[in-house]
């Protein structure tokens, strides 16, 4: 079971990115047949109501699981993992804490790397905090950050880490080989 996250990452790297545009194409049109299964949202209480509504609308029929929140002064960023065979996605929403409105920031097979030129990309400090949240979650599966790094090394995945992910591992006490 420990190899499952790495296996999914390998599949995602092999299949290529699943863009938000591709995900939008999976949405039913108004004249489509009645919807199949409802969206299952695990950990919904951790998400703002507008983020819940956005996810249920955009990812109808998906199984979604809340992963982590990163809060800044004005924005709550929420990471959600989604799966609807054969697709899977790491989803990032941003909720404006003043207005309560949410937007989809990214939905792709991996949360990293970010396109810094794209509108809505979180600032570097937030991206590192997001990476730290994911490293903590993945490290729990391996017992420690060093166990997680050992798994990445074993599956030759370290070279695919974005700079934010590398920094997160270092911030959490992990050791990485030099590039």
Foldseek 3Di string as FASTA:
>chain_A
DLCVVVVLVVVQVVVDKCWLVNLQVPADDPPDDDADDFEAEAPCVVDQPQVVVVCRRSNGPKHKYWQDWDDDPFKIKTWIWIDDPPDIWTWIKIAGPVVRHIDTQTTMSDPDDDDPPDPPDDDLVVLLVVLLSVLVVSQVSQVHSQSSVVSCVVSVNPVVDDPSNVVSSVVRPHDDDDD
